[in-house]
Amino acid sequence: DFVKVKTEEGEIGYIQRHYLTPDTPKSLIINRLQQERDRLADKLAELQKQIALTTSRSDASQQELSEQLAESNRQLSALQKDLAESQADLIRTSHEFQTLQSDAREVVAIAKERDQLRKTNQELAAALSELEEKVKDLSITGLIKWFLAGAGVLLLGWIFGRFAGGRRRSRL
C-alpha cells in the first residue's frame, strides 16, 4: 500500500499509493500556467514597447522618406527644367551648326573671290600709283607751262613796251 518516493530536494520517504496519480496535480499545473502567463504578459509588454518604438521609428522614417521624396521631386523638377533648356540649346546649336556647314561649303568660292579681289586691288593700287605719278608730273609740267606762259607774256609785254615806248619818244 506504500510507495517509496524521493522529493526534488533529495529526501526519501513513503506515501500511500492511493495518494499518487499519474497526472500532475492541479495546483502545480495552475502555478506553472500562472508563471507562464506572467512570463508571457512580460513578453507581451516588452513586445508592445518594441512595437511602439518601432512604430515611432517607422513614423520618423516615413516622415524622413516623405521629406526625401519631396526633395527628390524638387530635384527632378529642376533637372527636367535643365533638360528642357539643354534640349532647346541643342536645337539652337544644331541649327547654327547646319548654317555654319552650309556657309562652309561656300568657303572655297569665297576664298577664290577674295584672292581675285586682292589681285584686282593690287592692280588698282599700282594703277593709282602710276596715275598719281602722272598727275604729279602733269602738275609740274602744268606749272612750268604756266610759268613759261607768264614769263612769255611778261617778256612780250616788256618787248612791246620797249618798242612802243621808243616810238612814242621818237615821235615826240
Protein backbone atom coordinates (compact mmCIF):
# COMPACT_ATOMS: atom_id res chain seq x y z
CA ASP A 1 0.00 0.00 0.00
CA PHE A 2 3.01 2.32 0.45
CA VAL A 3 5.34 3.52 -2.20
CA LYS A 4 8.86 4.76 -1.70
CA VAL A 5 9.28 8.35 -3.09
CA LYS A 6 12.09 10.81 -3.39
CA THR A 7 11.50 14.59 -3.40
CA GLU A 8 13.27 17.09 -5.56
CA GLU A 9 15.35 18.16 -2.56
CA GLY A 10 16.62 14.57 -2.25
CA GLU A 11 14.51 13.47 0.76
CA ILE A 12 13.31 9.86 0.69
CA GLY A 13 10.08 8.72 2.24
CA TYR A 14 6.95 6.58 1.87
CA ILE A 15 3.46 7.57 0.80
CA GLN A 16 0.27 5.64 0.40
CA ARG A 17 -0.42 4.51 -3.10
CA HIS A 18 -3.90 5.95 -3.33
CA TYR A 19 -2.42 9.48 -2.91
CA LEU A 20 -0.34 9.04 -6.04
CA THR A 21 -1.71 9.67 -9.52
CA PRO A 22 -0.02 9.59 -12.87
CA ASP A 23 -1.41 13.08 -13.57
CA THR A 24 0.28 16.28 -12.46
CA PRO A 25 -1.56 17.92 -9.57
CA LYS A 26 -3.90 20.74 -10.49
CA SER A 27 -2.27 23.23 -8.12
CA LEU A 28 1.10 22.58 -9.74
CA ILE A 29 -0.42 22.97 -13.20
CA ILE A 30 -2.10 26.22 -12.08
CA ASN A 31 1.16 27.55 -10.66
CA ARG A 32 3.04 26.67 -13.83
CA LEU A 33 0.33 28.22 -16.00
CA GLN A 34 0.31 31.38 -13.87
CA GLN A 35 4.09 31.61 -14.16
CA GLU A 36 3.81 31.06 -17.94
CA ARG A 37 1.04 33.67 -18.11
CA ASP A 38 3.19 36.18 -16.15
CA ARG A 39 6.18 35.45 -18.36
CA LEU A 40 4.03 35.85 -21.50
CA ALA A 41 2.49 39.07 -20.09
CA ASP A 42 6.01 40.44 -19.51
CA LYS A 43 6.99 39.36 -23.01
CA LEU A 44 3.79 40.94 -24.39
CA ALA A 45 4.56 44.21 -22.60
CA GLU A 46 8.11 44.14 -23.96
CA LEU A 47 6.82 43.39 -27.45
CA GLN A 48 4.29 46.22 -27.16
CA LYS A 49 7.12 48.57 -26.15
CA GLN A 50 9.14 47.35 -29.11
CA ILE A 51 6.11 47.82 -31.39
CA ALA A 52 5.60 51.35 -30.07
CA LEU A 53 9.29 52.11 -30.50
CA THR A 54 9.30 50.55 -33.95
CA THR A 55 6.13 52.45 -34.84
CA SER A 56 7.66 55.75 -33.74
CA ARG A 57 10.83 54.91 -35.63
CA SER A 58 8.72 53.88 -38.59
CA ASP A 59 6.80 57.15 -38.40
CA ALA A 60 10.06 59.08 -38.20
CA SER A 61 11.49 57.05 -41.06
CA GLN A 62 8.30 57.57 -43.04
CA GLN A 63 8.47 61.31 -42.37
CA GLU A 64 12.13 61.34 -43.40
CA LEU A 65 11.34 59.33 -46.51
CA SER A 66 8.49 61.73 -47.31
CA GLU A 67 10.89 64.67 -46.99
CA GLN A 68 13.44 62.87 -49.15
CA LEU A 69 10.73 62.14 -51.71
CA ALA A 70 9.69 65.80 -51.75
CA GLU A 71 13.33 66.86 -52.16
CA SER A 72 13.81 64.27 -54.90
CA ASN A 73 10.69 65.58 -56.64
CA ARG A 74 12.09 69.15 -56.45
CA GLN A 75 15.42 67.97 -57.82
CA LEU A 76 13.62 66.02 -60.56
CA SER A 77 11.64 69.13 -61.48
CA ALA A 78 14.85 71.20 -61.62
CA LEU A 79 16.56 68.51 -63.69
CA GLN A 80 13.61 68.35 -66.08
CA LYS A 81 13.77 72.13 -66.46
CA ASP A 82 17.53 71.91 -67.11
CA LEU A 83 16.89 69.12 -69.60
CA ALA A 84 14.34 71.24 -71.46
CA GLU A 85 16.79 74.16 -71.56
CA SER A 86 19.57 71.85 -72.73
CA GLN A 87 17.35 70.45 -75.46
CA ALA A 88 16.48 73.99 -76.60
CA ASP A 89 20.20 74.83 -76.61
CA LEU A 90 20.89 71.66 -78.56
CA ILE A 91 18.29 72.56 -81.18
CA ARG A 92 19.65 76.12 -81.47
CA THR A 93 23.24 74.86 -81.66
CA SER A 94 22.26 72.26 -84.26
CA HIS A 95 20.63 74.96 -86.36
CA GLU A 96 23.73 77.16 -86.05
CA PHE A 97 25.91 74.17 -86.94
CA GLN A 98 23.85 73.48 -90.07
CA THR A 99 24.10 77.14 -91.04
CA LEU A 100 27.84 77.01 -90.49
CA GLN A 101 28.11 73.86 -92.61
CA SER A 102 26.20 75.47 -95.47
CA ASP A 103 28.39 78.56 -95.18
CA ALA A 104 31.50 76.36 -95.10
CA ARG A 105 30.56 74.90 -98.48
CA GLU A 106 30.90 78.38 -99.94
CA VAL A 107 34.31 78.96 -98.31
CA VAL A 108 36.26 77.82 -101.37
CA ALA A 109 34.30 80.13 -103.66
CA ILE A 110 34.66 82.98 -101.17
CA ALA A 111 38.42 82.33 -100.87
CA LYS A 112 38.79 82.40 -104.67
CA GLU A 113 36.77 85.60 -104.84
CA ARG A 114 38.89 87.09 -102.04
CA ASP A 115 42.10 86.19 -103.88
CA GLN A 116 40.71 87.70 -107.09
CA LEU A 117 39.73 90.85 -105.21
CA ARG A 118 43.21 91.08 -103.70
CA LYS A 119 44.77 90.76 -107.12
CA THR A 120 42.39 93.39 -108.53
CA ASN A 121 43.12 95.61 -105.53
CA GLN A 122 46.88 95.29 -106.12
CA GLU A 123 46.43 96.10 -109.80
CA LEU A 124 44.27 99.09 -108.98
CA ALA A 125 46.76 100.25 -106.34
CA ALA A 126 49.55 100.04 -108.93
CA ALA A 127 47.42 101.92 -111.47
CA LEU A 128 46.61 104.52 -108.83
CA SER A 129 50.30 104.97 -108.08
CA GLU A 130 51.01 105.42 -111.78
CA LEU A 131 48.16 107.90 -112.11
CA GLU A 132 49.37 109.83 -109.08
CA GLU A 133 52.84 110.00 -110.63
CA LYS A 134 51.31 111.20 -113.90
CA VAL A 135 49.21 113.79 -112.06
CA LYS A 136 52.33 114.92 -110.21
CA ASP A 137 54.26 115.09 -113.49
CA LEU A 138 51.36 116.86 -115.18
CA SER A 139 51.08 119.29 -112.29
CA ILE A 140 54.76 120.09 -112.52
CA THR A 141 54.52 120.31 -116.30
CA GLY A 142 51.42 122.48 -115.99
CA LEU A 143 53.15 124.78 -113.53
CA ILE A 144 56.16 125.02 -115.79
CA LYS A 145 53.91 125.79 -118.79
CA TRP A 146 52.05 128.47 -116.85
CA PHE A 147 55.32 129.86 -115.58
CA LEU A 148 56.70 129.93 -119.06
CA ALA A 149 53.46 131.41 -120.39
CA GLY A 150 53.58 134.09 -117.69
CA ALA A 151 57.25 134.72 -118.39
CA GLY A 152 56.48 134.90 -122.12
CA VAL A 153 53.65 137.39 -121.53
CA LEU A 154 55.95 139.44 -119.34
CA LEU A 155 58.71 139.27 -121.91
CA LEU A 156 56.34 140.17 -124.73
CA GLY A 157 54.91 142.96 -122.63
CA TRP A 158 58.38 144.27 -121.93
CA ILE A 159 59.33 143.98 -125.60
CA PHE A 160 56.14 145.74 -126.72
CA GLY A 161 56.71 148.29 -124.05
CA ARG A 162 60.21 148.89 -125.31
CA PHE A 163 59.23 149.25 -128.90
CA ALA A 164 56.06 151.06 -128.18
CA GLY A 165 57.71 153.40 -125.71
CA GLY A 166 60.59 154.05 -128.08
CA ARG A 167 58.29 155.05 -130.89
CA ARG A 168 56.44 157.43 -128.76
CA ARG A 169 59.56 159.15 -127.66
CA SER A 170 60.78 159.40 -131.13
CA ARG A 171 57.55 160.85 -132.32
CA LEU A 172 57.59 163.36 -129.61
